[in-house]
Amino acid sequence: MANTFKNKLTTSIDTSPVAVYTTPSATTSTVIGVNVANIITSNISVSVQIVDSSTATTAYLVKDALITPGSSAVLVGGDQKVVLEPNDAIQVTSSALNSADVIVSVLEIS
């Protein structure tokens, strides 16, 4: 088994869900960090969802988290981890256009 640490960067998140990370097939991922930064001059709220590809179920990790201008929110990190199976995804939505940058850090096990 190969273990690989990876970062996935996504900029200018919008009001439609954006898949910021999808686990490759034949791989399991441990999400060790999700950081969302507000890049505009007004408050935004962000939602992060996990999409389970095997059941087509989508569930909120966080819904409408408030992020003030110039700050960020660590939505996964520290003691909290999330396990994703092959083809599962993380989606992020913001309350404003082009308002958030996202960094997802994972350990891929293949």
PDB file of N, CA and C in Angstrom:
ATOM      1  N   MET A   1       0.829  -1.174   0.000  1.00  0.00           N
ATOM      2  CA  MET A   1       0.000   0.000   0.000  1.00  0.00           C
ATOM      3  C   MET A   1       0.878   1.244   0.000  1.00  0.00           C
ATOM      4  N   ALA A   2       0.507   2.183  -0.841  1.00  0.00           N
ATOM      5  CA  ALA A   2       1.214   3.457  -0.902  1.00  0.00           C
ATOM      6  C   ALA A   2       0.439   4.511  -0.129  1.00  0.00           C
ATOM      7  N   ASN A   3       1.161   5.270   0.700  1.00  0.00           N
ATOM      8  CA  ASN A   3       0.566   6.381   1.442  1.00  0.00           C
ATOM      9  C   ASN A   3       1.137   7.675   0.894  1.00  0.00           C
ATOM     10  N   THR A   4       0.262   8.587   0.461  1.00  0.00           N
ATOM     11  CA  THR A   4       0.706   9.837  -0.141  1.00  0.00           C
ATOM     12  C   THR A   4      -0.064  11.003   0.464  1.00  0.00           C
ATOM     13  N   PHE A   5       0.663  11.983   1.005  1.00  0.00           N
ATOM     14  CA  PHE A   5       0.039  13.209   1.475  1.00  0.00           C
ATOM     15  C   PHE A   5      -0.165  14.147   0.300  1.00  0.00           C
ATOM     16  N   LYS A   6      -1.351  14.784   0.227  1.00  0.00           N
ATOM     17  CA  LYS A   6      -1.639  15.701  -0.871  1.00  0.00           C
ATOM     18  C   LYS A   6      -2.432  16.894  -0.366  1.00  0.00           C
ATOM     19  N   ASN A   7      -2.247  18.038  -1.059  1.00  0.00           N
ATOM     20  CA  ASN A   7      -3.072  19.222  -0.859  1.00  0.00           C
ATOM     21  C   ASN A   7      -3.823  19.491  -2.152  1.00  0.00           C
ATOM     22  N   LYS A   8      -5.066  19.891  -2.040  1.00  0.00           N
ATOM     23  CA  LYS A   8      -5.872  20.273  -3.194  1.00  0.00           C
ATOM     24  C   LYS A   8      -6.336  21.700  -2.946  1.00  0.00           C
ATOM     25  N   LEU A   9      -5.978  22.625  -3.827  1.00  0.00           N
ATOM     26  CA  LEU A   9      -6.322  24.034  -3.696  1.00  0.00           C
ATOM     27  C   LEU A   9      -7.416  24.388  -4.686  1.00  0.00           C
ATOM     28  N   THR A  10      -8.444  25.082  -4.209  1.00  0.00           N
ATOM     29  CA  THR A  10      -9.531  25.546  -5.067  1.00  0.00           C
ATOM     30  C   THR A  10      -9.796  27.000  -4.723  1.00  0.00           C
ATOM     31  N   THR A  11      -9.838  27.859  -5.746  1.00  0.00           N
ATOM     32  CA  THR A  11     -10.029  29.285  -5.515  1.00  0.00           C
ATOM     33  C   THR A  11     -11.388  29.751  -6.019  1.00  0.00           C
ATOM     34  N   SER A  12     -11.814  30.887  -5.501  1.00  0.00           N
ATOM     35  CA  SER A  12     -13.019  31.588  -5.954  1.00  0.00           C
ATOM     36  C   SER A  12     -14.278  30.725  -5.906  1.00  0.00           C
ATOM     37  N   ILE A  13     -14.536  30.131  -4.755  1.00  0.00           N
ATOM     38  CA  ILE A  13     -15.745  29.329  -4.560  1.00  0.00           C
ATOM     39  C   ILE A  13     -16.968  30.223  -4.724  1.00  0.00           C
ATOM     40  N   ASP A  14     -18.000  29.685  -5.316  1.00  0.00           N
ATOM     41  CA  ASP A  14     -19.212  30.401  -5.688  1.00  0.00           C
ATOM     42  C   ASP A  14     -20.418  29.941  -4.866  1.00  0.00           C
ATOM     43  N   THR A  15     -21.589  30.320  -5.353  1.00  0.00           N
ATOM     44  CA  THR A  15     -22.847  29.970  -4.698  1.00  0.00           C
ATOM     45  C   THR A  15     -23.394  28.615  -5.141  1.00  0.00           C
ATOM     46  N   SER A  16     -22.716  27.961  -6.052  1.00  0.00           N
ATOM     47  CA  SER A  16     -23.065  26.593  -6.457  1.00  0.00           C
ATOM     48  C   SER A  16     -22.044  25.642  -5.855  1.00  0.00           C
ATOM     49  N   PRO A  17     -22.454  24.430  -5.487  1.00  0.00           N
ATOM     50  CA  PRO A  17     -21.493  23.477  -4.908  1.00  0.00           C
ATOM     51  C   PRO A  17     -20.326  23.183  -5.855  1.00  0.00           C
ATOM     52  N   VAL A  18     -19.119  23.218  -5.300  1.00  0.00           N
ATOM     53  CA  VAL A  18     -17.906  22.936  -6.056  1.00  0.00           C
ATOM     54  C   VAL A  18     -17.221  21.736  -5.413  1.00  0.00           C
ATOM     55  N   ALA A  19     -16.933  20.711  -6.203  1.00  0.00           N
ATOM     56  CA  ALA A  19     -16.186  19.553  -5.696  1.00  0.00           C
ATOM     57  C   ALA A  19     -14.732  19.970  -5.525  1.00  0.00           C
ATOM     58  N   VAL A  20     -14.297  20.131  -4.274  1.00  0.00           N
ATOM     59  CA  VAL A  20     -12.936  20.581  -4.012  1.00  0.00           C
ATOM     60  C   VAL A  20     -11.961  19.419  -3.864  1.00  0.00           C
ATOM     61  N   TYR A  21     -12.491  18.217  -3.657  1.00  0.00           N
ATOM     62  CA  TYR A  21     -11.646  17.012  -3.610  1.00  0.00           C
ATOM     63  C   TYR A  21     -12.520  15.800  -3.871  1.00  0.00           C
ATOM     64  N   THR A  22     -12.013  14.902  -4.710  1.00  0.00           N
ATOM     65  CA  THR A  22     -12.659  13.618  -4.972  1.00  0.00           C
ATOM     66  C   THR A  22     -11.611  12.532  -4.809  1.00  0.00           C
ATOM     67  N   THR A  23     -11.935  11.528  -4.010  1.00  0.00           N
ATOM     68  CA  THR A  23     -11.003  10.420  -3.801  1.00  0.00           C
ATOM     69  C   THR A  23     -10.879   9.609  -5.084  1.00  0.00           C
ATOM     70  N   PRO A  24      -9.662   9.343  -5.545  1.00  0.00           N
ATOM     71  CA  PRO A  24      -9.489   8.518  -6.739  1.00  0.00           C
ATOM     72  C   PRO A  24     -10.039   7.099  -6.531  1.00  0.00           C
ATOM     73  N   SER A  25     -10.358   6.445  -7.631  1.00  0.00           N
ATOM     74  CA  SER A  25     -10.811   5.057  -7.527  1.00  0.00           C
ATOM     75  C   SER A  25      -9.665   4.205  -6.989  1.00  0.00           C
ATOM     76  N   ALA A  26     -10.004   3.106  -6.343  1.00  0.00           N
ATOM     77  CA  ALA A  26      -9.038   2.185  -5.732  1.00  0.00           C
ATOM     78  C   ALA A  26      -8.183   2.871  -4.664  1.00  0.00           C
ATOM     79  N   THR A  27      -8.728   3.903  -4.045  1.00  0.00           N
ATOM     80  CA  THR A  27      -8.006   4.670  -3.024  1.00  0.00           C
ATOM     81  C   THR A  27      -8.965   5.004  -1.889  1.00  0.00           C
ATOM     82  N   THR A  28      -8.443   5.023  -0.674  1.00  0.00           N
ATOM     83  CA  THR A  28      -9.163   5.539   0.480  1.00  0.00           C
ATOM     84  C   THR A  28      -8.398   6.767   0.947  1.00  0.00           C
ATOM     85  N   SER A  29      -9.121   7.811   1.339  1.00  0.00           N
ATOM     86  CA  SER A  29      -8.465   9.040   1.786  1.00  0.00           C
ATOM     87  C   SER A  29      -8.878   9.388   3.203  1.00  0.00           C
ATOM     88  N   THR A  30      -7.908   9.836   3.966  1.00  0.00           N
ATOM     89  CA  THR A  30      -8.185  10.416   5.272  1.00  0.00           C
ATOM     90  C   THR A  30      -7.997  11.915   5.129  1.00  0.00           C
ATOM     91  N   VAL A  31      -9.077  12.658   5.325  1.00  0.00           N
ATOM     92  CA  VAL A  31      -9.015  14.115   5.245  1.00  0.00           C
ATOM     93  C   VAL A  31      -8.466  14.615   6.571  1.00  0.00           C
ATOM     94  N   ILE A  32      -7.324  15.287   6.512  1.00  0.00           N
ATOM     95  CA  ILE A  32      -6.674  15.759   7.728  1.00  0.00           C
ATOM     96  C   ILE A  32      -6.809  17.266   7.905  1.00  0.00           C
ATOM     97  N   GLY A  33      -7.329  17.941   6.881  1.00  0.00           N
ATOM     98  CA  GLY A  33      -7.543  19.379   7.013  1.00  0.00           C
ATOM     99  C   GLY A  33      -8.440  19.930   5.925  1.00  0.00           C
ATOM    100  N   VAL A  34      -9.358  20.813   6.321  1.00  0.00           N
ATOM    101  CA  VAL A  34     -10.144  21.611   5.372  1.00  0.00           C
ATOM    102  C   VAL A  34     -10.147  23.030   5.917  1.00  0.00           C
ATOM    103  N   ASN A  35      -9.529  23.944   5.169  1.00  0.00           N
ATOM    104  CA  ASN A  35      -9.451  25.343   5.563  1.00  0.00           C
ATOM    105  C   ASN A  35     -10.147  26.176   4.494  1.00  0.00           C
ATOM    106  N   VAL A  36     -11.044  27.071   4.924  1.00  0.00           N
ATOM    107  CA  VAL A  36     -11.757  27.948   3.994  1.00  0.00           C
ATOM    108  C   VAL A  36     -11.454  29.384   4.384  1.00  0.00           C
ATOM    109  N   ALA A  37     -10.980  30.190   3.418  1.00  0.00           N
ATOM    110  CA  ALA A  37     -10.641  31.594   3.657  1.00  0.00           C
ATOM    111  C   ALA A  37     -11.618  32.505   2.935  1.00  0.00           C
ATOM    112  N   ASN A  38     -12.065  33.535   3.634  1.00  0.00           N
ATOM    113  CA  ASN A  38     -12.915  34.565   3.033  1.00  0.00           C
ATOM    114  C   ASN A  38     -12.008  35.547   2.299  1.00  0.00           C
ATOM    115  N   ILE A  39     -12.209  35.707   0.981  1.00  0.00           N
ATOM    116  CA  ILE A  39     -11.335  36.573   0.185  1.00  0.00           C
ATOM    117  C   ILE A  39     -12.029  37.856  -0.263  1.00  0.00           C
ATOM    118  N   ILE A  40     -13.207  38.136   0.273  1.00  0.00           N
ATOM    119  CA  ILE A  40     -13.908  39.379  -0.079  1.00  0.00           C
ATOM    120  C   ILE A  40     -14.038  40.263   1.163  1.00  0.00           C
ATOM    121  N   THR A  41     -14.660  41.431   0.996  1.00  0.00           N
ATOM    122  CA  THR A  41     -14.707  42.413   2.082  1.00  0.00           C
ATOM    123  C   THR A  41     -15.991  42.379   2.900  1.00  0.00           C
ATOM    124  N   SER A  42     -16.800  41.349   2.740  1.00  0.00           N
ATOM    125  CA  SER A  42     -18.004  41.211   3.560  1.00  0.00           C
ATOM    126  C   SER A  42     -18.082  39.793   4.121  1.00  0.00           C
ATOM    127  N   ASN A  43     -18.942  39.619   5.128  1.00  0.00           N
ATOM    128  CA  ASN A  43     -19.129  38.294   5.719  1.00  0.00           C
ATOM    129  C   ASN A  43     -19.654  37.310   4.679  1.00  0.00           C
ATOM    130  N   ILE A  44     -19.230  36.063   4.807  1.00  0.00           N
ATOM    131  CA  ILE A  44     -19.794  34.987   3.987  1.00  0.00           C
ATOM    132  C   ILE A  44     -20.173  33.828   4.906  1.00  0.00           C
ATOM    133  N   SER A  45     -21.043  32.997   4.419  1.00  0.00           N
ATOM    134  CA  SER A  45     -21.291  31.734   5.105  1.00  0.00           C
ATOM    135  C   SER A  45     -20.982  30.622   4.118  1.00  0.00           C
ATOM    136  N   VAL A  46     -20.345  29.577   4.620  1.00  0.00           N
ATOM    137  CA  VAL A  46     -19.954  28.461   3.768  1.00  0.00           C
ATOM    138  C   VAL A  46     -20.531  27.168   4.307  1.00  0.00           C
ATOM    139  N   SER A  47     -20.813  26.270   3.383  1.00  0.00           N
ATOM    140  CA  SER A  47     -21.277  24.928   3.731  1.00  0.00           C
ATOM    141  C   SER A  47     -20.349  23.923   3.083  1.00  0.00           C
ATOM    142  N   VAL A  48     -20.047  22.860   3.825  1.00  0.00           N
ATOM    143  CA  VAL A  48     -19.208  21.775   3.314  1.00  0.00           C
ATOM    144  C   VAL A  48     -20.024  20.499   3.407  1.00  0.00           C
ATOM    145  N   GLN A  49     -20.076  19.782   2.286  1.00  0.00           N
ATOM    146  CA  GLN A  49     -20.818  18.529   2.237  1.00  0.00           C
ATOM    147  C   GLN A  49     -19.907  17.394   1.813  1.00  0.00           C
ATOM    148  N   ILE A  50     -20.222  16.199   2.320  1.00  0.00           N
ATOM    149  CA  ILE A  50     -19.555  14.975   1.901  1.00  0.00           C
ATOM    150  C   ILE A  50     -20.532  14.220   1.016  1.00  0.00           C
ATOM    151  N   VAL A  51     -20.056  13.769  -0.148  1.00  0.00           N
ATOM    152  CA  VAL A  51     -20.875  13.002  -1.082  1.00  0.00           C
ATOM    153  C   VAL A  51     -20.387  11.561  -1.060  1.00  0.00           C
ATOM    154  N   ASP A  52     -21.246  10.650  -0.610  1.00  0.00           N
ATOM    155  CA  ASP A  52     -20.943   9.217  -0.585  1.00  0.00           C
ATOM    156  C   ASP A  52     -21.328   8.636  -1.933  1.00  0.00           C
ATOM    157  N   SER A  53     -20.337   8.283  -2.723  1.00  0.00           N
ATOM    158  CA  SER A  53     -20.603   7.824  -4.091  1.00  0.00           C
ATOM    159  C   SER A  53     -21.301   6.472  -4.141  1.00  0.00           C
ATOM    160  N   SER A  54     -21.119   5.636  -3.130  1.00  0.00           N
ATOM    161  CA  SER A  54     -21.717   4.297  -3.181  1.00  0.00           C
ATOM    162  C   SER A  54     -23.214   4.321  -2.912  1.00  0.00           C
ATOM    163  N   THR A  55     -23.683   5.334  -2.171  1.00  0.00           N
ATOM    164  CA  THR A  55     -25.116   5.418  -1.866  1.00  0.00           C
ATOM    165  C   THR A  55     -25.779   6.655  -2.461  1.00  0.00           C
ATOM    166  N   ALA A  56     -25.000   7.507  -3.115  1.00  0.00           N
ATOM    167  CA  ALA A  56     -25.493   8.772  -3.668  1.00  0.00           C
ATOM    168  C   ALA A  56     -26.111   9.653  -2.580  1.00  0.00           C
ATOM    169  N   THR A  57     -25.570   9.558  -1.373  1.00  0.00           N
ATOM    170  CA  THR A  57     -26.035  10.352  -0.243  1.00  0.00           C
ATOM    171  C   THR A  57     -25.102  11.542  -0.049  1.00  0.00           C
ATOM    172  N   THR A  58     -25.700  12.695   0.234  1.00  0.00           N
ATOM    173  CA  THR A  58     -24.932  13.895   0.539  1.00  0.00           C
ATOM    174  C   THR A  58     -25.304  14.357   1.943  1.00  0.00           C
ATOM    175  N   ALA A  59     -24.282  14.608   2.770  1.00  0.00           N
ATOM    176  CA  ALA A  59     -24.521  15.048   4.142  1.00  0.00           C
ATOM    177  C   ALA A  59     -23.627  16.241   4.456  1.00  0.00           C
ATOM    178  N   TYR A  60     -24.136  17.146   5.290  1.00  0.00           N
ATOM    179  CA  TYR A  60     -23.358  18.318   5.681  1.00  0.00           C
ATOM    180  C   TYR A  60     -22.306  17.964   6.725  1.00  0.00           C
ATOM    181  N   LEU A  61     -21.102  18.428   6.491  1.00  0.00           N
ATOM    182  CA  LEU A  61     -20.060  18.425   7.514  1.00  0.00           C
ATOM    183  C   LEU A  61     -20.239  19.686   8.359  1.00  0.00           C
ATOM    184  N   VAL A  62     -20.542  20.796   7.694  1.00  0.00           N
ATOM    185  CA  VAL A  62     -20.895  22.056   8.343  1.00  0.00           C
ATOM    186  C   VAL A  62     -21.838  22.797   7.412  1.00  0.00           C
ATOM    187  N   LYS A  63     -22.820  23.493   7.992  1.00  0.00           N
ATOM    188  CA  LYS A  63     -23.792  24.237   7.184  1.00  0.00           C
ATOM    189  C   LYS A  63     -23.803  25.695   7.629  1.00  0.00           C
ATOM    190  N   ASP A  64     -23.582  26.578   6.663  1.00  0.00           N
ATOM    191  CA  ASP A  64     -23.667  28.028   6.871  1.00  0.00           C
ATOM    192  C   ASP A  64     -22.742  28.546   7.973  1.00  0.00           C
ATOM    193  N   ALA A  65     -21.492  28.113   7.952  1.00  0.00           N
ATOM    194  CA  ALA A  65     -20.497  28.626   8.898  1.00  0.00           C
ATOM    195  C   ALA A  65     -20.111  30.052   8.504  1.00  0.00           C
ATOM    196  N   LEU A  66     -20.187  30.970   9.430  1.00  0.00           N
ATOM    197  CA  LEU A  66     -19.886  32.374   9.177  1.00  0.00           C
ATOM    198  C   LEU A  66     -18.377  32.595   9.173  1.00  0.00           C
ATOM    199  N   ILE A  67     -17.880  33.268   8.129  1.00  0.00           N
ATOM    200  CA  ILE A  67     -16.464  33.635   8.048  1.00  0.00           C
ATOM    201  C   ILE A  67     -16.402  35.128   7.759  1.00  0.00           C
ATOM    202  N   THR A  68     -15.748  35.875   8.630  1.00  0.00           N
ATOM    203  CA  THR A  68     -15.643  37.322   8.482  1.00  0.00           C
ATOM    204  C   THR A  68     -14.551  37.676   7.467  1.00  0.00           C
ATOM    205  N   PRO A  69     -14.572  38.904   6.940  1.00  0.00           N
ATOM    206  CA  PRO A  69     -13.572  39.310   5.940  1.00  0.00           C
ATOM    207  C   PRO A  69     -12.140  39.149   6.464  1.00  0.00           C
ATOM    208  N   GLY A  70     -11.282  38.620   5.611  1.00  0.00           N
ATOM    209  CA  GLY A  70      -9.877  38.485   5.955  1.00  0.00           C
ATOM    210  C   GLY A  70      -9.557  37.359   6.917  1.00  0.00           C
ATOM    211  N   SER A  71     -10.535  36.520   7.222  1.00  0.00           N
ATOM    212  CA  SER A  71     -10.263  35.417   8.145  1.00  0.00           C
ATOM    213  C   SER A  71     -10.570  34.084   7.478  1.00  0.00           C
ATOM    214  N   SER A  72     -10.340  33.025   8.229  1.00  0.00           N
ATOM    215  CA  SER A  72     -10.588  31.690   7.690  1.00  0.00           C
ATOM    216  C   SER A  72     -11.193  30.810   8.771  1.00  0.00           C
ATOM    217  N   ALA A  73     -11.703  29.675   8.346  1.00  0.00           N
ATOM    218  CA  ALA A  73     -12.259  28.681   9.265  1.00  0.00           C
ATOM    219  C   ALA A  73     -11.613  27.341   8.973  1.00  0.00           C
ATOM    220  N   VAL A  74     -11.142  26.692  10.025  1.00  0.00           N
ATOM    221  CA  VAL A  74     -10.617  25.337   9.905  1.00  0.00           C
ATOM    222  C   VAL A  74     -11.782  24.404  10.202  1.00  0.00           C
ATOM    223  N   LEU A  75     -12.303  23.773   9.157  1.00  0.00           N
ATOM    224  CA  LEU A  75     -13.506  22.959   9.292  1.00  0.00           C
ATOM    225  C   LEU A  75     -13.199  21.500   9.569  1.00  0.00           C
ATOM    226  N   VAL A  76     -12.014  21.049   9.224  1.00  0.00           N
ATOM    227  CA  VAL A  76     -11.511  19.731   9.611  1.00  0.00           C
ATOM    228  C   VAL A  76     -10.059  19.947   9.990  1.00  0.00           C
ATOM    229  N   GLY A  77      -9.649  19.397  11.108  1.00  0.00           N
ATOM    230  CA  GLY A  77      -8.266  19.537  11.543  1.00  0.00           C
ATOM    231  C   GLY A  77      -8.129  19.175  13.005  1.00  0.00           C
ATOM    232  N   GLY A  78      -6.921  19.201  13.492  1.00  0.00           N
ATOM    233  CA  GLY A  78      -6.682  18.828  14.885  1.00  0.00           C
ATOM    234  C   GLY A  78      -7.028  17.371  15.098  1.00  0.00           C
ATOM    235  N   ASP A  79      -7.895  17.110  16.065  1.00  0.00           N
ATOM    236  CA  ASP A  79      -8.284  15.733  16.361  1.00  0.00           C
ATOM    237  C   ASP A  79      -9.334  15.182  15.412  1.00  0.00           C
ATOM    238  N   GLN A  80      -9.999  16.061  14.670  1.00  0.00           N
ATOM    239  CA  GLN A  80     -11.072  15.609  13.766  1.00  0.00           C
ATOM    240  C   GLN A  80     -10.497  15.178  12.418  1.00  0.00           C
ATOM    241  N   LYS A  81     -10.899  14.027  11.962  1.00  0.00           N
ATOM    242  CA  LYS A  81     -10.533  13.507  10.642  1.00  0.00           C
ATOM    243  C   LYS A  81     -11.804  12.994   9.974  1.00  0.00           C
ATOM    244  N   VAL A  82     -11.772  12.894   8.658  1.00  0.00           N
ATOM    245  CA  VAL A  82     -12.895  12.343   7.888  1.00  0.00           C
ATOM    246  C   VAL A  82     -12.318  11.316   6.926  1.00  0.00           C
ATOM    247  N   VAL A  83     -12.934  10.150   6.855  1.00  0.00           N
ATOM    248  CA  VAL A  83     -12.490   9.096   5.943  1.00  0.00           C
ATOM    249  C   VAL A  83     -13.399   9.102   4.716  1.00  0.00           C
ATOM    250  N   LEU A  84     -12.771   9.102   3.550  1.00  0.00           N
ATOM    251  CA  LEU A  84     -13.505   9.035   2.283  1.00  0.00           C
ATOM    252  C   LEU A  84     -13.133   7.758   1.556  1.00  0.00           C
ATOM    253  N   GLU A  85     -14.137   7.095   1.015  1.00  0.00           N
ATOM    254  CA  GLU A  85     -13.919   5.890   0.223  1.00  0.00           C
ATOM    255  C   GLU A  85     -13.754   6.273  -1.243  1.00  0.00           C
ATOM    256  N   PRO A  86     -13.402   5.313  -2.108  1.00  0.00           N
ATOM    257  CA  PRO A  86     -13.196   5.632  -3.523  1.00  0.00           C
ATOM    258  C   PRO A  86     -14.373   6.396  -4.126  1.00  0.00           C
ATOM    259  N   ASN A  87     -14.058   7.449  -4.855  1.00  0.00           N
ATOM    260  CA  ASN A  87     -14.999   8.309  -5.585  1.00  0.00           C
ATOM    261  C   ASN A  87     -15.890   9.168  -4.699  1.00  0.00           C
ATOM    262  N   ASP A  88     -15.706   9.158  -3.380  1.00  0.00           N
ATOM    263  CA  ASP A  88     -16.412  10.093  -2.512  1.00  0.00           C
ATOM    264  C   ASP A  88     -15.828  11.488  -2.734  1.00  0.00           C
ATOM    265  N   ALA A  89     -16.620  12.518  -2.411  1.00  0.00           N
ATOM    266  CA  ALA A  89     -16.176  13.886  -2.688  1.00  0.00           C
ATOM    267  C   ALA A  89     -16.521  14.826  -1.546  1.00  0.00           C
ATOM    268  N   ILE A  90     -15.782  15.937  -1.513  1.00  0.00           N
ATOM    269  CA  ILE A  90     -16.084  17.060  -0.623  1.00  0.00           C
ATOM    270  C   ILE A  90     -16.522  18.215  -1.517  1.00  0.00           C
ATOM    271  N   GLN A  91     -17.675  18.802  -1.187  1.00  0.00           N
ATOM    272  CA  GLN A  91     -18.187  19.951  -1.924  1.00  0.00           C
ATOM    273  C   GLN A  91     -18.282  21.147  -0.992  1.00  0.00           C
ATOM    274  N   VAL A  92     -17.969  22.334  -1.534  1.00  0.00           N
ATOM    275  CA  VAL A  92     -18.062  23.564  -0.754  1.00  0.00           C
ATOM    276  C   VAL A  92     -18.928  24.557  -1.516  1.00  0.00           C
ATOM    277  N   THR A  93     -19.780  25.261  -0.758  1.00  0.00           N
ATOM    278  CA  THR A  93     -20.646  26.294  -1.310  1.00  0.00           C
ATOM    279  C   THR A  93     -20.492  27.536  -0.449  1.00  0.00           C
ATOM    280  N   SER A  94     -20.477  28.705  -1.080  1.00  0.00           N
ATOM    281  CA  SER A  94     -20.412  29.962  -0.355  1.00  0.00           C
ATOM    282  C   SER A  94     -21.688  30.769  -0.594  1.00  0.00           C
ATOM    283  N   SER A  95     -21.921  31.746   0.256  1.00  0.00           N
ATOM    284  CA  SER A  95     -23.099  32.595   0.123  1.00  0.00           C
ATOM    285  C   SER A  95     -22.901  33.742  -0.866  1.00  0.00           C
ATOM    286  N   ALA A  96     -21.666  33.935  -1.349  1.00  0.00           N
ATOM    287  CA  ALA A  96     -21.371  35.038  -2.257  1.00  0.00           C
ATOM    288  C   ALA A  96     -20.507  34.551  -3.416  1.00  0.00           C
ATOM    289  N   LEU A  97     -20.588  35.261  -4.525  1.00  0.00           N
ATOM    290  CA  LEU A  97     -19.814  34.901  -5.713  1.00  0.00           C
ATOM    291  C   LEU A  97     -18.320  35.117  -5.484  1.00  0.00           C
ATOM    292  N   ASN A  98     -17.509  34.183  -5.983  1.00  0.00           N
ATOM    293  CA  ASN A  98     -16.043  34.301  -5.962  1.00  0.00           C
ATOM    294  C   ASN A  98     -15.515  34.787  -4.607  1.00  0.00           C
ATOM    295  N   SER A  99     -15.926  34.119  -3.538  1.00  0.00           N
ATOM    296  CA  SER A  99     -15.685  34.669  -2.208  1.00  0.00           C
ATOM    297  C   SER A  99     -14.799  33.840  -1.294  1.00  0.00           C
ATOM    298  N   ALA A 100     -14.450  32.637  -1.682  1.00  0.00           N
ATOM    299  CA  ALA A 100     -13.698  31.783  -0.754  1.00  0.00           C
ATOM    300  C   ALA A 100     -12.659  30.953  -1.485  1.00  0.00           C
ATOM    301  N   ASP A 101     -11.538  30.748  -0.804  1.00  0.00           N
ATOM    302  CA  ASP A 101     -10.494  29.828  -1.249  1.00  0.00           C
ATOM    303  C   ASP A 101     -10.469  28.659  -0.265  1.00  0.00           C
ATOM    304  N   VAL A 102     -10.226  27.459  -0.799  1.00  0.00           N
ATOM    305  CA  VAL A 102     -10.280  26.246   0.031  1.00  0.00           C
ATOM    306  C   VAL A 102      -8.986  25.455  -0.144  1.00  0.00           C
ATOM    307  N   ILE A 103      -8.460  24.959   0.969  1.00  0.00           N
ATOM    308  CA  ILE A 103      -7.331  24.030   0.953  1.00  0.00           C
ATOM    309  C   ILE A 103      -7.780  22.759   1.651  1.00  0.00           C
ATOM    310  N   VAL A 104      -7.677  21.646   0.938  1.00  0.00           N
ATOM    311  CA  VAL A 104      -8.001  20.337   1.502  1.00  0.00           C
ATOM    312  C   VAL A 104      -6.704  19.533   1.568  1.00  0.00           C
ATOM    313  N   SER A 105      -6.386  19.023   2.740  1.00  0.00           N
ATOM    314  CA  SER A 105      -5.203  18.185   2.926  1.00  0.00           C
ATOM    315  C   SER A 105      -5.661  16.756   3.233  1.00  0.00           C
ATOM    316  N   VAL A 106      -5.078  15.804   2.511  1.00  0.00           N
ATOM    317  CA  VAL A 106      -5.494  14.413   2.667  1.00  0.00           C
ATOM    318  C   VAL A 106      -4.291  13.489   2.703  1.00  0.00           C
ATOM    319  N   LEU A 107      -4.523  12.316   3.243  1.00  0.00           N
ATOM    320  CA  LEU A 107      -3.601  11.180   3.129  1.00  0.00           C
ATOM    321  C   LEU A 107      -4.304  10.153   2.274  1.00  0.00           C
ATOM    322  N   GLU A 108      -3.772   9.921   1.070  1.00  0.00           N
ATOM    323  CA  GLU A 108      -4.359   8.919   0.170  1.00  0.00           C
ATOM    324  C   GLU A 108      -3.662   7.586   0.389  1.00  0.00           C
ATOM    325  N   ILE A 109      -4.474   6.530   0.540  1.00  0.00           N
ATOM    326  CA  ILE A 109      -3.965   5.178   0.759  1.00  0.00           C
ATOM    327  C   ILE A 109      -4.426   4.332  -0.414  1.00  0.00           C
ATOM    328  N   SER A 110      -3.477   3.868  -1.199  1.00  0.00           N
ATOM    329  CA  SER A 110      -3.840   3.085  -2.397  1.00  0.00           C
ATOM    330  C   SER A 110      -3.068   1.787  -2.454  1.00  0.00           C
TER     331      SER A 110
END
